[in-house]
Protein backbone atom coordinates (compact mmCIF):
# COMPACT_ATOMS: atom_id res chain seq x y z
CA UNK A 1 -8.41 -0.84 45.66
CA UNK A 2 -8.50 -0.82 41.97
CA UNK A 3 -6.64 -2.68 39.23
CA UNK A 4 -3.85 -0.08 39.26
CA UNK A 5 -2.89 -0.35 42.94
CA UNK A 6 -1.44 -3.18 45.04
CA UNK A 7 -3.24 -4.77 47.94
CA UNK A 8 -1.50 -2.38 50.27
CA UNK A 9 -2.97 0.54 48.39
CA UNK A 10 0.35 1.81 47.03
CA UNK A 11 0.76 2.44 43.28
CA UNK A 12 1.63 -0.88 41.43
CA UNK A 13 4.68 -1.34 39.25
CA UNK A 14 2.29 -0.90 36.34
CA UNK A 15 1.37 2.57 37.52
CA UNK A 16 5.14 3.58 37.88
CA UNK A 17 5.84 2.36 34.30
CA UNK A 18 6.15 5.57 32.01
CA UNK A 19 4.61 3.61 29.16
CA UNK A 20 1.44 3.01 31.26
CA UNK A 21 -1.32 5.52 30.66
CA UNK A 22 -5.01 6.09 31.78
CA UNK A 23 -7.06 8.28 29.48
CA UNK A 24 -10.70 9.40 29.28
CA UNK A 25 -12.35 9.54 25.92
CA UNK A 26 -15.66 11.34 25.32
CA UNK A 27 -18.31 8.79 24.45
CA UNK A 28 -20.25 9.78 21.27
CA UNK A 29 -20.33 7.32 18.51
CA UNK A 30 -18.62 4.23 19.78
CA UNK A 31 -14.94 3.27 20.87
CA UNK A 32 -13.86 2.52 17.31
CA UNK A 33 -11.12 -0.07 18.04
CA UNK A 34 -10.30 -3.25 16.32
CA UNK A 35 -8.47 -5.54 18.74
CA UNK A 36 -6.46 -8.72 18.63
CA UNK A 37 -4.85 -11.10 20.94
CA UNK A 38 -6.05 -12.71 24.10
CA UNK A 39 -5.01 -15.85 25.96
CA UNK A 40 -6.58 -18.07 23.37
CA UNK A 41 -5.02 -16.48 20.26
CA UNK A 42 -1.75 -16.74 18.53
CA UNK A 43 -1.40 -12.93 18.71
CA UNK A 44 -1.94 -13.24 22.65
CA UNK A 45 -1.78 -13.67 25.47
CA UNK A 46 -2.21 -9.86 25.81
CA UNK A 47 -4.95 -7.79 24.08
CA UNK A 48 -3.68 -5.21 21.57
CA UNK A 49 -5.17 -2.46 19.48
CA UNK A 50 -5.05 -3.53 15.85
CA UNK A 51 -6.59 -0.36 14.25
CA UNK A 52 -8.02 2.78 15.55
CA UNK A 53 -11.18 3.20 13.27
CA UNK A 54 -11.73 6.54 11.53
CA UNK A 55 -14.76 8.25 12.95
CA UNK A 56 -14.73 6.36 16.24
CA UNK A 57 -14.23 8.08 19.57
CA UNK A 58 -10.65 6.94 20.01
CA UNK A 59 -9.80 8.12 16.48
CA UNK A 60 -11.24 11.68 17.31
CA UNK A 61 -9.30 11.65 20.69
CA UNK A 62 -6.04 10.74 18.84
CA UNK A 63 -4.05 9.28 21.78
CA UNK A 64 -4.48 5.59 21.14
CA UNK A 65 -2.28 3.85 18.44
CA UNK A 66 -2.24 0.47 16.70
CA UNK A 67 0.04 -1.74 18.85
CA UNK A 68 -0.89 -0.28 22.16
CA UNK A 69 -1.68 -2.97 24.80
CA UNK A 70 -5.10 -2.63 26.49
CA UNK A 71 -4.96 -2.93 30.20
CA UNK A 72 -8.55 -2.07 31.01
CA UNK A 73 -11.82 -0.49 29.60
CA UNK A 74 -13.85 1.29 32.21
CA UNK A 75 -11.91 -0.34 34.95
CA UNK A 76 -12.66 -3.97 33.57
CA UNK A 77 -9.26 -5.72 33.15
CA UNK A 78 -8.12 -6.82 29.82
CA UNK A 79 -5.23 -8.85 31.36
CA UNK A 80 -5.45 -12.68 31.13
CA UNK A 81 -8.77 -12.67 29.03
CA UNK A 82 -9.56 -14.49 25.98
CA UNK A 83 -10.38 -12.55 22.70
CA UNK A 84 -14.10 -13.24 23.18
CA UNK A 85 -14.01 -11.99 26.80
CA UNK A 86 -12.19 -8.76 25.57
CA UNK A 87 -14.84 -8.20 22.94
CA UNK A 88 -17.54 -8.72 25.78
CA UNK A 89 -15.80 -6.10 28.08
CA UNK A 90 -15.87 -3.55 25.18
CA UNK A 91 -19.50 -4.36 24.45
CA UNK A 92 -20.42 -4.03 28.21
CA UNK A 93 -18.69 -0.66 28.26
CA UNK A 94 -20.54 0.41 25.13
CA UNK A 95 -23.98 -0.49 26.77
CA UNK A 96 -23.27 1.54 29.93
CA UNK A 97 -24.70 4.98 29.87
CA UNK A 98 -22.13 6.78 31.84
CA UNK A 99 -19.58 8.89 30.04
CA UNK A 100 -16.68 8.99 29.18
CA UNK A 101 -14.67 5.90 28.28
CA UNK A 102 -11.86 5.24 30.73
CA UNK A 103 -9.02 3.25 28.93
CA UNK A 104 -5.91 2.12 30.52
CA UNK A 105 -3.10 1.11 28.12
CA UNK A 106 0.57 0.57 27.65
CA UNK A 107 2.29 2.34 24.77
CA UNK A 108 4.55 -0.17 22.88
CA UNK A 109 7.94 1.17 21.97
CA UNK A 110 7.42 -0.03 18.32
CA UNK A 111 4.72 -1.66 16.40
CA UNK A 112 6.11 -4.13 13.83
CA UNK A 113 2.66 -5.63 12.96
CA UNK A 114 1.01 -5.08 9.67
CA UNK A 115 -2.77 -4.50 9.91
CA UNK A 116 -3.32 -6.61 6.82
CA UNK A 117 -2.05 -9.70 8.59
CA UNK A 118 -4.66 -9.53 11.39
CA UNK A 119 -8.26 -10.70 10.89
CA UNK A 120 -10.24 -10.28 14.11
CA UNK A 121 -11.94 -6.79 14.94
CA UNK A 122 -13.77 -5.77 17.95
CA UNK A 123 -17.51 -6.19 18.31
CA UNK A 124 -18.00 -2.77 17.07
CA UNK A 125 -16.99 -3.82 13.56
CA UNK A 126 -17.17 -7.57 13.09
CA UNK A 127 -19.32 -10.61 12.96
CA UNK A 128 -18.75 -13.22 15.58
CA UNK A 129 -17.31 -15.79 13.27
CA UNK A 130 -13.58 -14.67 13.18
CA UNK A 131 -11.30 -17.52 12.86
CA UNK A 132 -7.97 -17.77 14.79
CA UNK A 133 -5.03 -16.15 13.04
CA UNK A 134 -2.58 -18.49 11.38
CA UNK A 135 0.45 -16.28 11.70
CA UNK A 136 1.69 -15.04 14.94
CA UNK A 137 1.61 -11.32 15.99
CA UNK A 138 4.54 -10.03 17.88
CA UNK A 139 4.35 -6.38 19.04
CA UNK A 140 8.17 -6.44 19.97
CA UNK A 141 10.85 -6.44 17.27
CA UNK A 142 13.32 -9.36 17.34
CA UNK A 143 16.46 -8.63 19.37
CA UNK A 144 19.33 -7.35 17.28
CA UNK A 145 22.05 -9.79 16.70
CA UNK A 146 25.69 -8.58 16.98
C-alpha cells in the first residue's frame, strides 16, 4: 500500500481526482520550490507552492505552478504536516541520491495569491528564521454572490 491507495489496495478518491497528478522530475540542481502553508501556519493547513524558482529542477520541468498543493515528495506525505516538517521532507529528498524527484500534487483551479504577500520559502532558498505570516493565504477564490 502507498499513500495513493486505500487499505483495500484500490485507488483512493485522491487518485481518481483529475486535478491529482504524480510526476517525476530529473534531479540536477535542486527542487527549486518555495513553499508555504502547513498545519501551523495561517496559510495552512495544506502545503502549497509559492514560487517555482528559475533554474531549479521543477522550473526546467515546467509542470508545477504556484498555487499547486503538494501531496508528497518522494512518497513522503505532505498532508497534515507543519511548515517545518514540509521543509524537512524536501531536505531529506534532496539528500537522497536516487533520481528522479517524484512529486504528487493537486492542481488548483485558480491561484489568487500574490507572491509578494508570502514570506516563507523552502529550505533550498531560505534561512530558518521565517516568521509566521500575518495575512492569510487562500488558494480558492471567494464564492460569487448573486
